[in-house]
Amino acid sequence: MTAHTPYEDLARELGSVGAVRRELARNLPHDCPPASAVVLALLGRHGEMRMTRLADLLGIDMSVTSRHVAHAVERGWVDRRPDPLDGRVRLLRLTGDGEEMLTEMHRRTSETLAHLLGDWPEEDVARLTELLTRLRASFGDCGCGCRAAPRGARTLPPHPTAAAHG
């Protein structure tokens, strides 16, 4: 049996992060599905933006982004207004109700994490936060909206076994 590399172990653990995300999503307000929650979180973090930027930050197609935004607009959480630089384009921004929903989402998420990780030492929680921030930065997204490299611009080195197989 071959030993696992730390990267294989990390890949396996990252694959299981979906369970963490699903548990956090279960505690969102009933009328705020995870996709809407992400839209609100991005608008809260980055402020007013065009739909194209939001789609890029979400990493999804414009039509899907539009559906997520429509749900948030219908509930009064997001407002669309003409871009003063180009009237054909709409800018998206959180409304007061959207800010309240975002605050409620953060409160519920924090409470869930505090409950589930309550037996962890605070130093471990702080270290995990630090490492996740570092991991995200290594992938070119520092959380501030910039990207170190455009999507798809980076190339990965060939897999070590690729050279052996020709």
N, C-alpha and C. Protein backbone atom coordinates (compact mmCIF):
# COMPACT_ATOMS: atom_id res chain seq x y z
N MET A 1 0.84 -1.18 0.00
CA MET A 1 0.00 0.00 0.00
C MET A 1 0.89 1.24 0.00
N THR A 2 0.60 2.19 -0.86
CA THR A 2 1.41 3.40 -0.94
C THR A 2 0.92 4.43 0.07
N ALA A 3 1.88 5.22 0.53
CA ALA A 3 1.54 6.29 1.49
C ALA A 3 0.88 7.44 0.75
N HIS A 4 -0.03 8.09 1.41
CA HIS A 4 -0.69 9.27 0.83
C HIS A 4 0.20 10.48 1.03
N THR A 5 0.24 11.33 0.02
CA THR A 5 0.97 12.60 0.17
C THR A 5 0.07 13.56 0.93
N PRO A 6 0.64 14.59 1.52
CA PRO A 6 -0.19 15.59 2.20
C PRO A 6 -1.20 16.23 1.24
N TYR A 7 -0.86 16.33 -0.05
CA TYR A 7 -1.77 16.94 -1.02
C TYR A 7 -2.95 16.02 -1.32
N GLU A 8 -2.73 14.72 -1.32
CA GLU A 8 -3.85 13.78 -1.49
C GLU A 8 -4.79 13.85 -0.30
N ASP A 9 -4.21 13.91 0.90
CA ASP A 9 -5.02 14.02 2.10
C ASP A 9 -5.80 15.34 2.09
N LEU A 10 -5.15 16.42 1.68
CA LEU A 10 -5.82 17.72 1.61
C LEU A 10 -6.95 17.68 0.59
N ALA A 11 -6.71 17.08 -0.57
CA ALA A 11 -7.74 16.99 -1.61
C ALA A 11 -8.95 16.23 -1.07
N ARG A 12 -8.72 15.16 -0.34
CA ARG A 12 -9.81 14.37 0.23
C ARG A 12 -10.59 15.22 1.25
N GLU A 13 -9.91 15.94 2.10
CA GLU A 13 -10.57 16.76 3.11
C GLU A 13 -11.33 17.92 2.47
N LEU A 14 -10.75 18.53 1.43
CA LEU A 14 -11.45 19.62 0.74
C LEU A 14 -12.72 19.10 0.09
N GLY A 15 -12.68 17.88 -0.39
CA GLY A 15 -13.88 17.27 -0.97
C GLY A 15 -15.00 17.12 0.05
N SER A 16 -14.64 16.97 1.30
CA SER A 16 -15.66 16.80 2.34
C SER A 16 -16.15 18.13 2.90
N VAL A 17 -15.58 19.24 2.46
CA VAL A 17 -16.02 20.56 2.92
C VAL A 17 -17.47 20.81 2.51
N GLY A 18 -17.92 20.15 1.48
CA GLY A 18 -19.31 20.28 1.06
C GLY A 18 -20.28 19.97 2.19
N ALA A 19 -19.94 19.02 3.05
CA ALA A 19 -20.80 18.68 4.19
C ALA A 19 -20.89 19.86 5.16
N VAL A 20 -19.80 20.57 5.35
CA VAL A 20 -19.78 21.74 6.22
C VAL A 20 -20.68 22.82 5.61
N ARG A 21 -20.52 23.05 4.32
CA ARG A 21 -21.32 24.06 3.64
C ARG A 21 -22.81 23.72 3.69
N ARG A 22 -23.14 22.46 3.51
CA ARG A 22 -24.55 22.04 3.57
C ARG A 22 -25.12 22.27 4.96
N GLU A 23 -24.35 21.97 5.99
CA GLU A 23 -24.84 22.17 7.36
C GLU A 23 -25.05 23.66 7.63
N LEU A 24 -24.14 24.49 7.18
CA LEU A 24 -24.31 25.93 7.36
C LEU A 24 -25.52 26.44 6.57
N ALA A 25 -25.74 25.89 5.38
CA ALA A 25 -26.88 26.29 4.55
C ALA A 25 -28.21 25.91 5.20
N ARG A 26 -28.23 24.81 5.94
CA ARG A 26 -29.47 24.39 6.62
C ARG A 26 -29.96 25.43 7.61
N ASN A 27 -29.05 26.25 8.09
CA ASN A 27 -29.39 27.24 9.10
C ASN A 27 -29.63 28.63 8.54
N LEU A 28 -29.67 28.74 7.22
CA LEU A 28 -30.01 30.02 6.61
C LEU A 28 -31.51 30.28 6.79
N PRO A 29 -31.93 31.54 6.73
CA PRO A 29 -33.38 31.80 6.77
C PRO A 29 -34.08 31.02 5.66
N HIS A 30 -35.30 30.55 5.92
CA HIS A 30 -36.00 29.66 5.00
C HIS A 30 -36.19 30.23 3.60
N ASP A 31 -36.30 31.55 3.46
CA ASP A 31 -36.52 32.14 2.14
C ASP A 31 -35.23 32.60 1.47
N CYS A 32 -34.09 32.20 2.04
CA CYS A 32 -32.80 32.60 1.48
C CYS A 32 -31.97 31.36 1.14
N PRO A 33 -32.11 30.87 -0.09
CA PRO A 33 -31.32 29.70 -0.48
C PRO A 33 -29.84 30.05 -0.55
N PRO A 34 -28.96 29.05 -0.52
CA PRO A 34 -27.53 29.30 -0.53
C PRO A 34 -27.05 30.21 -1.68
N ALA A 35 -27.62 30.07 -2.87
CA ALA A 35 -27.19 30.91 -4.00
C ALA A 35 -27.48 32.38 -3.72
N SER A 36 -28.65 32.67 -3.15
CA SER A 36 -28.98 34.05 -2.80
C SER A 36 -28.07 34.55 -1.69
N ALA A 37 -27.76 33.67 -0.75
CA ALA A 37 -26.86 34.04 0.34
C ALA A 37 -25.49 34.46 -0.19
N VAL A 38 -25.00 33.74 -1.19
CA VAL A 38 -23.69 34.09 -1.77
C VAL A 38 -23.77 35.43 -2.50
N VAL A 39 -24.85 35.68 -3.21
CA VAL A 39 -25.04 36.97 -3.89
C VAL A 39 -25.01 38.09 -2.87
N LEU A 40 -25.76 37.94 -1.78
CA LEU A 40 -25.79 38.97 -0.75
C LEU A 40 -24.42 39.16 -0.12
N ALA A 41 -23.74 38.06 0.15
CA ALA A 41 -22.41 38.14 0.77
C ALA A 41 -21.42 38.88 -0.13
N LEU A 42 -21.45 38.58 -1.43
CA LEU A 42 -20.52 39.25 -2.35
C LEU A 42 -20.83 40.74 -2.48
N LEU A 43 -22.11 41.08 -2.56
CA LEU A 43 -22.48 42.50 -2.62
C LEU A 43 -22.12 43.20 -1.31
N GLY A 44 -22.28 42.49 -0.20
CA GLY A 44 -21.90 43.06 1.09
C GLY A 44 -20.41 43.28 1.20
N ARG A 45 -19.62 42.37 0.67
CA ARG A 45 -18.15 42.47 0.76
C ARG A 45 -17.59 43.47 -0.24
N HIS A 46 -18.11 43.46 -1.47
CA HIS A 46 -17.51 44.25 -2.54
C HIS A 46 -18.27 45.52 -2.89
N GLY A 47 -19.49 45.64 -2.40
CA GLY A 47 -20.29 46.83 -2.70
C GLY A 47 -20.94 46.73 -4.07
N GLU A 48 -21.47 47.85 -4.51
CA GLU A 48 -22.22 47.93 -5.77
C GLU A 48 -21.35 47.44 -6.93
N MET A 49 -21.99 46.68 -7.83
CA MET A 49 -21.25 46.15 -8.98
C MET A 49 -22.18 45.80 -10.13
N ARG A 50 -21.58 45.62 -11.29
CA ARG A 50 -22.31 45.17 -12.48
C ARG A 50 -22.53 43.66 -12.39
N MET A 51 -23.54 43.21 -13.11
CA MET A 51 -23.87 41.79 -13.15
C MET A 51 -22.68 40.97 -13.67
N THR A 52 -21.95 41.50 -14.64
CA THR A 52 -20.81 40.76 -15.20
C THR A 52 -19.75 40.50 -14.13
N ARG A 53 -19.51 41.47 -13.28
CA ARG A 53 -18.52 41.28 -12.21
C ARG A 53 -19.03 40.25 -11.22
N LEU A 54 -20.31 40.32 -10.87
CA LEU A 54 -20.88 39.35 -9.95
C LEU A 54 -20.76 37.94 -10.53
N ALA A 55 -21.07 37.78 -11.80
CA ALA A 55 -20.96 36.46 -12.44
C ALA A 55 -19.52 35.97 -12.38
N ASP A 56 -18.56 36.86 -12.58
CA ASP A 56 -17.16 36.47 -12.50
C ASP A 56 -16.79 36.04 -11.08
N LEU A 57 -17.23 36.80 -10.09
CA LEU A 57 -16.94 36.44 -8.71
C LEU A 57 -17.59 35.12 -8.33
N LEU A 58 -18.80 34.88 -8.83
CA LEU A 58 -19.49 33.62 -8.57
C LEU A 58 -18.87 32.47 -9.37
N GLY A 59 -18.24 32.80 -10.48
CA GLY A 59 -17.67 31.76 -11.34
C GLY A 59 -18.72 30.98 -12.10
N ILE A 60 -19.85 31.68 -12.40
CA ILE A 60 -20.93 31.01 -13.13
C ILE A 60 -21.39 31.88 -14.29
N ASP A 61 -22.17 31.30 -15.13
CA ASP A 61 -22.68 31.93 -16.35
C ASP A 61 -23.67 33.06 -16.02
N MET A 62 -23.77 34.02 -16.91
CA MET A 62 -24.63 35.19 -16.70
C MET A 62 -26.10 34.82 -16.51
N SER A 63 -26.59 33.84 -17.24
CA SER A 63 -28.01 33.49 -17.11
C SER A 63 -28.31 32.93 -15.72
N VAL A 64 -27.40 32.15 -15.16
CA VAL A 64 -27.59 31.60 -13.82
C VAL A 64 -27.47 32.73 -12.79
N THR A 65 -26.50 33.60 -12.99
CA THR A 65 -26.34 34.75 -12.10
C THR A 65 -27.60 35.59 -12.11
N SER A 66 -28.16 35.81 -13.29
CA SER A 66 -29.37 36.61 -13.43
C SER A 66 -30.53 36.01 -12.64
N ARG A 67 -30.66 34.69 -12.66
CA ARG A 67 -31.73 34.03 -11.89
C ARG A 67 -31.53 34.23 -10.39
N HIS A 68 -30.28 34.11 -9.93
CA HIS A 68 -29.99 34.30 -8.50
C HIS A 68 -30.29 35.74 -8.08
N VAL A 69 -29.91 36.68 -8.93
CA VAL A 69 -30.16 38.10 -8.64
C VAL A 69 -31.66 38.38 -8.65
N ALA A 70 -32.39 37.81 -9.60
CA ALA A 70 -33.84 38.02 -9.68
C ALA A 70 -34.52 37.58 -8.39
N HIS A 71 -34.09 36.46 -7.83
CA HIS A 71 -34.66 35.98 -6.57
C HIS A 71 -34.43 37.01 -5.46
N ALA A 72 -33.22 37.55 -5.39
CA ALA A 72 -32.91 38.54 -4.36
C ALA A 72 -33.65 39.85 -4.59
N VAL A 73 -33.83 40.24 -5.84
CA VAL A 73 -34.57 41.46 -6.17
C VAL A 73 -36.04 41.29 -5.79
N GLU A 74 -36.63 40.14 -6.11
CA GLU A 74 -38.04 39.87 -5.79
C GLU A 74 -38.31 39.99 -4.29
N ARG A 75 -37.32 39.65 -3.48
CA ARG A 75 -37.49 39.72 -2.03
C ARG A 75 -37.10 41.07 -1.45
N GLY A 76 -36.64 41.97 -2.32
CA GLY A 76 -36.30 43.31 -1.86
C GLY A 76 -34.93 43.43 -1.23
N TRP A 77 -34.07 42.43 -1.44
CA TRP A 77 -32.74 42.44 -0.85
C TRP A 77 -31.71 43.15 -1.72
N VAL A 78 -31.98 43.19 -3.02
CA VAL A 78 -31.04 43.78 -3.98
C VAL A 78 -31.81 44.75 -4.86
N ASP A 79 -31.16 45.82 -5.17
CA ASP A 79 -31.72 46.86 -6.03
C ASP A 79 -30.87 46.94 -7.30
N ARG A 80 -31.53 47.17 -8.43
CA ARG A 80 -30.85 47.41 -9.71
C ARG A 80 -31.07 48.86 -10.07
N ARG A 81 -30.00 49.54 -10.45
CA ARG A 81 -30.15 50.93 -10.90
C ARG A 81 -29.26 51.14 -12.12
N PRO A 82 -29.60 52.10 -12.98
CA PRO A 82 -28.78 52.34 -14.16
C PRO A 82 -27.38 52.79 -13.76
N ASP A 83 -26.41 52.31 -14.51
CA ASP A 83 -25.03 52.74 -14.32
C ASP A 83 -24.90 54.14 -14.91
N PRO A 84 -24.46 55.13 -14.11
CA PRO A 84 -24.35 56.49 -14.63
C PRO A 84 -23.35 56.61 -15.79
N LEU A 85 -22.42 55.66 -15.89
CA LEU A 85 -21.43 55.68 -16.97
C LEU A 85 -21.95 55.03 -18.25
N ASP A 86 -22.96 54.17 -18.12
CA ASP A 86 -23.52 53.47 -19.27
C ASP A 86 -24.94 53.07 -18.92
N GLY A 87 -25.91 53.83 -19.34
CA GLY A 87 -27.31 53.62 -18.99
C GLY A 87 -27.89 52.29 -19.43
N ARG A 88 -27.19 51.58 -20.33
CA ARG A 88 -27.68 50.28 -20.77
C ARG A 88 -27.39 49.20 -19.74
N VAL A 89 -26.50 49.51 -18.81
CA VAL A 89 -26.04 48.55 -17.82
C VAL A 89 -26.67 48.87 -16.46
N ARG A 90 -26.95 47.84 -15.70
CA ARG A 90 -27.50 48.01 -14.36
C ARG A 90 -26.43 47.71 -13.31
N LEU A 91 -26.47 48.49 -12.24
CA LEU A 91 -25.61 48.24 -11.09
C LEU A 91 -26.46 47.57 -10.01
N LEU A 92 -25.88 46.60 -9.34
CA LEU A 92 -26.55 45.88 -8.27
C LEU A 92 -26.02 46.37 -6.94
N ARG A 93 -26.93 46.51 -5.98
CA ARG A 93 -26.49 46.90 -4.63
C ARG A 93 -27.49 46.35 -3.62
N LEU A 94 -26.98 46.15 -2.41
CA LEU A 94 -27.85 45.70 -1.33
C LEU A 94 -28.80 46.82 -0.93
N THR A 95 -30.01 46.44 -0.60
CA THR A 95 -30.97 47.38 -0.02
C THR A 95 -30.83 47.29 1.50
N GLY A 96 -31.60 48.10 2.21
CA GLY A 96 -31.62 48.00 3.67
C GLY A 96 -32.07 46.61 4.11
N ASP A 97 -33.10 46.08 3.44
CA ASP A 97 -33.57 44.72 3.76
C ASP A 97 -32.49 43.68 3.46
N GLY A 98 -31.73 43.91 2.38
CA GLY A 98 -30.64 43.00 2.04
C GLY A 98 -29.54 43.03 3.09
N GLU A 99 -29.24 44.22 3.60
CA GLU A 99 -28.24 44.33 4.67
C GLU A 99 -28.71 43.63 5.93
N GLU A 100 -30.02 43.76 6.23
CA GLU A 100 -30.58 43.07 7.40
C GLU A 100 -30.49 41.55 7.21
N MET A 101 -30.81 41.07 6.01
CA MET A 101 -30.72 39.63 5.74
C MET A 101 -29.28 39.15 5.86
N LEU A 102 -28.35 39.94 5.34
CA LEU A 102 -26.93 39.58 5.44
C LEU A 102 -26.50 39.51 6.90
N THR A 103 -26.92 40.46 7.71
CA THR A 103 -26.60 40.44 9.14
C THR A 103 -27.18 39.20 9.80
N GLU A 104 -28.42 38.86 9.45
CA GLU A 104 -29.06 37.66 10.01
C GLU A 104 -28.33 36.39 9.57
N MET A 105 -27.89 36.35 8.31
CA MET A 105 -27.14 35.18 7.81
C MET A 105 -25.83 35.04 8.59
N HIS A 106 -25.11 36.14 8.77
CA HIS A 106 -23.84 36.09 9.51
C HIS A 106 -24.08 35.64 10.96
N ARG A 107 -25.14 36.14 11.57
CA ARG A 107 -25.45 35.77 12.96
C ARG A 107 -25.71 34.27 13.05
N ARG A 108 -26.54 33.75 12.13
CA ARG A 108 -26.86 32.32 12.17
C ARG A 108 -25.63 31.46 11.89
N THR A 109 -24.81 31.88 10.94
CA THR A 109 -23.60 31.12 10.62
C THR A 109 -22.65 31.11 11.80
N SER A 110 -22.46 32.26 12.42
CA SER A 110 -21.57 32.35 13.59
C SER A 110 -22.08 31.48 14.73
N GLU A 111 -23.39 31.51 14.97
CA GLU A 111 -23.97 30.69 16.03
C GLU A 111 -23.79 29.20 15.73
N THR A 112 -23.98 28.82 14.48
CA THR A 112 -23.80 27.41 14.10
C THR A 112 -22.36 26.98 14.31
N LEU A 113 -21.42 27.81 13.87
CA LEU A 113 -20.01 27.47 14.05
C LEU A 113 -19.65 27.41 15.53
N ALA A 114 -20.14 28.37 16.30
CA ALA A 114 -19.85 28.37 17.74
C ALA A 114 -20.40 27.10 18.40
N HIS A 115 -21.58 26.68 17.98
CA HIS A 115 -22.18 25.47 18.54
C HIS A 115 -21.38 24.22 18.16
N LEU A 116 -21.07 24.10 16.86
CA LEU A 116 -20.41 22.88 16.39
C LEU A 116 -18.92 22.83 16.73
N LEU A 117 -18.30 23.98 16.88
CA LEU A 117 -16.87 24.02 17.20
C LEU A 117 -16.62 24.51 18.62
N GLY A 118 -17.64 24.48 19.43
CA GLY A 118 -17.54 25.00 20.80
C GLY A 118 -16.49 24.32 21.65
N ASP A 119 -16.16 23.07 21.32
CA ASP A 119 -15.14 22.36 22.11
C ASP A 119 -13.72 22.56 21.55
N TRP A 120 -13.60 23.35 20.48
CA TRP A 120 -12.28 23.65 19.93
C TRP A 120 -11.66 24.80 20.72
N PRO A 121 -10.36 24.75 20.96
CA PRO A 121 -9.70 25.93 21.55
C PRO A 121 -9.77 27.11 20.56
N GLU A 122 -9.93 28.31 21.08
CA GLU A 122 -10.00 29.49 20.21
C GLU A 122 -8.78 29.61 19.31
N GLU A 123 -7.63 29.17 19.79
CA GLU A 123 -6.40 29.23 18.98
C GLU A 123 -6.54 28.35 17.73
N ASP A 124 -7.21 27.21 17.86
CA ASP A 124 -7.41 26.33 16.71
C ASP A 124 -8.34 26.97 15.69
N VAL A 125 -9.40 27.62 16.17
CA VAL A 125 -10.32 28.31 15.27
C VAL A 125 -9.59 29.44 14.55
N ALA A 126 -8.78 30.19 15.28
CA ALA A 126 -8.01 31.29 14.67
C ALA A 126 -7.01 30.74 13.66
N ARG A 127 -6.37 29.63 13.97
CA ARG A 127 -5.38 29.03 13.05
C ARG A 127 -6.08 28.52 11.79
N LEU A 128 -7.25 27.88 11.94
CA LEU A 128 -8.00 27.41 10.78
C LEU A 128 -8.38 28.59 9.89
N THR A 129 -8.84 29.67 10.49
CA THR A 129 -9.20 30.86 9.72
C THR A 129 -7.99 31.39 8.96
N GLU A 130 -6.86 31.45 9.63
CA GLU A 130 -5.62 31.92 9.00
C GLU A 130 -5.23 31.03 7.82
N LEU A 131 -5.30 29.72 8.01
CA LEU A 131 -4.91 28.79 6.95
C LEU A 131 -5.89 28.83 5.77
N LEU A 132 -7.18 28.96 6.05
CA LEU A 132 -8.15 29.05 4.95
C LEU A 132 -7.95 30.34 4.16
N THR A 133 -7.63 31.43 4.84
CA THR A 133 -7.34 32.69 4.15
C THR A 133 -6.12 32.53 3.26
N ARG A 134 -5.11 31.87 3.77
CA ARG A 134 -3.88 31.63 2.99
C ARG A 134 -4.17 30.71 1.80
N LEU A 135 -4.99 29.68 2.01
CA LEU A 135 -5.35 28.78 0.91
C LEU A 135 -6.07 29.54 -0.19
N ARG A 136 -7.04 30.36 0.19
CA ARG A 136 -7.79 31.14 -0.81
C ARG A 136 -6.84 32.06 -1.58
N ALA A 137 -5.91 32.69 -0.90
CA ALA A 137 -4.94 33.57 -1.56
C ALA A 137 -4.07 32.79 -2.55
N SER A 138 -3.75 31.56 -2.22
CA SER A 138 -2.93 30.74 -3.12
C SER A 138 -3.64 30.42 -4.42
N PHE A 139 -4.96 30.48 -4.39
CA PHE A 139 -5.75 30.23 -5.58
C PHE A 139 -6.06 31.52 -6.34
N GLY A 140 -5.46 32.62 -5.92
CA GLY A 140 -5.59 33.87 -6.65
C GLY A 140 -6.75 34.73 -6.25
N ASP A 141 -7.47 34.37 -5.20
CA ASP A 141 -8.59 35.20 -4.75
C ASP A 141 -8.34 35.58 -3.30
N CYS A 142 -7.94 36.81 -3.10
CA CYS A 142 -7.65 37.27 -1.75
C CYS A 142 -8.91 37.69 -1.01
N GLY A 143 -10.06 37.63 -1.67
CA GLY A 143 -11.30 38.02 -1.03
C GLY A 143 -11.64 39.49 -1.24
N CYS A 144 -10.75 40.21 -1.89
CA CYS A 144 -11.01 41.65 -2.10
C CYS A 144 -11.55 41.92 -3.49
N GLY A 145 -11.78 40.87 -4.26
CA GLY A 145 -12.35 41.05 -5.59
C GLY A 145 -11.33 41.02 -6.71
N CYS A 146 -10.06 41.13 -6.37
CA CYS A 146 -9.04 41.07 -7.42
C CYS A 146 -8.75 39.60 -7.71
N ARG A 147 -8.12 39.36 -8.80
CA ARG A 147 -7.69 38.00 -9.12
C ARG A 147 -6.23 38.07 -9.52
N ALA A 148 -5.43 37.19 -8.94
CA ALA A 148 -4.00 37.17 -9.26
C ALA A 148 -3.79 36.80 -10.73
N ALA A 149 -4.62 35.91 -11.23
CA ALA A 149 -4.54 35.52 -12.63
C ALA A 149 -5.96 35.29 -13.12
N PRO A 150 -6.27 35.72 -14.35
CA PRO A 150 -7.61 35.47 -14.88
C PRO A 150 -7.92 33.98 -14.87
N ARG A 151 -9.19 33.65 -14.72
CA ARG A 151 -9.61 32.26 -14.70
C ARG A 151 -9.06 31.55 -15.92
N GLY A 152 -8.42 30.43 -15.69
CA GLY A 152 -7.91 29.62 -16.79
C GLY A 152 -6.55 30.07 -17.30
N ALA A 153 -6.00 31.16 -16.77
CA ALA A 153 -4.73 31.67 -17.29
C ALA A 153 -3.54 30.89 -16.76
N ARG A 154 -3.68 30.35 -15.56
CA ARG A 154 -2.58 29.59 -14.98
C ARG A 154 -2.55 28.20 -15.56
N THR A 155 -1.38 27.67 -15.72
CA THR A 155 -1.27 26.29 -16.15
C THR A 155 -0.62 25.50 -15.02
N LEU A 156 -1.11 24.32 -14.82
CA LEU A 156 -0.55 23.46 -13.79
C LEU A 156 0.60 22.67 -14.37
N PRO A 157 1.59 22.35 -13.54
CA PRO A 157 2.67 21.50 -14.04
C PRO A 157 2.12 20.12 -14.37
N PRO A 158 2.78 19.41 -15.27
CA PRO A 158 2.28 18.07 -15.60
C PRO A 158 2.31 17.18 -14.36
N HIS A 159 1.37 16.25 -14.32
CA HIS A 159 1.34 15.30 -13.22
C HIS A 159 2.65 14.52 -13.23
N PRO A 160 3.25 14.22 -12.06
CA PRO A 160 4.55 13.53 -12.02
C PRO A 160 4.56 12.23 -12.80
N THR A 161 3.44 11.53 -12.85
CA THR A 161 3.43 10.26 -13.57
C THR A 161 3.28 10.44 -15.07
N ALA A 162 2.92 11.65 -15.52
CA ALA A 162 2.72 11.89 -16.95
C ALA A 162 4.03 11.69 -17.72
N ALA A 163 5.14 12.14 -17.18
CA ALA A 163 6.43 12.01 -17.87
C ALA A 163 6.82 10.53 -17.95
N ALA A 164 6.52 9.77 -16.92
CA ALA A 164 6.87 8.36 -16.91
C ALA A 164 6.07 7.56 -17.94
N HIS A 165 4.87 8.06 -18.25
CA HIS A 165 4.02 7.33 -19.19
C HIS A 165 4.10 7.86 -20.60
N GLY A 166 4.96 8.85 -20.78
CA GLY A 166 5.24 9.25 -22.07
C GLY A 166 4.64 10.30 -22.81
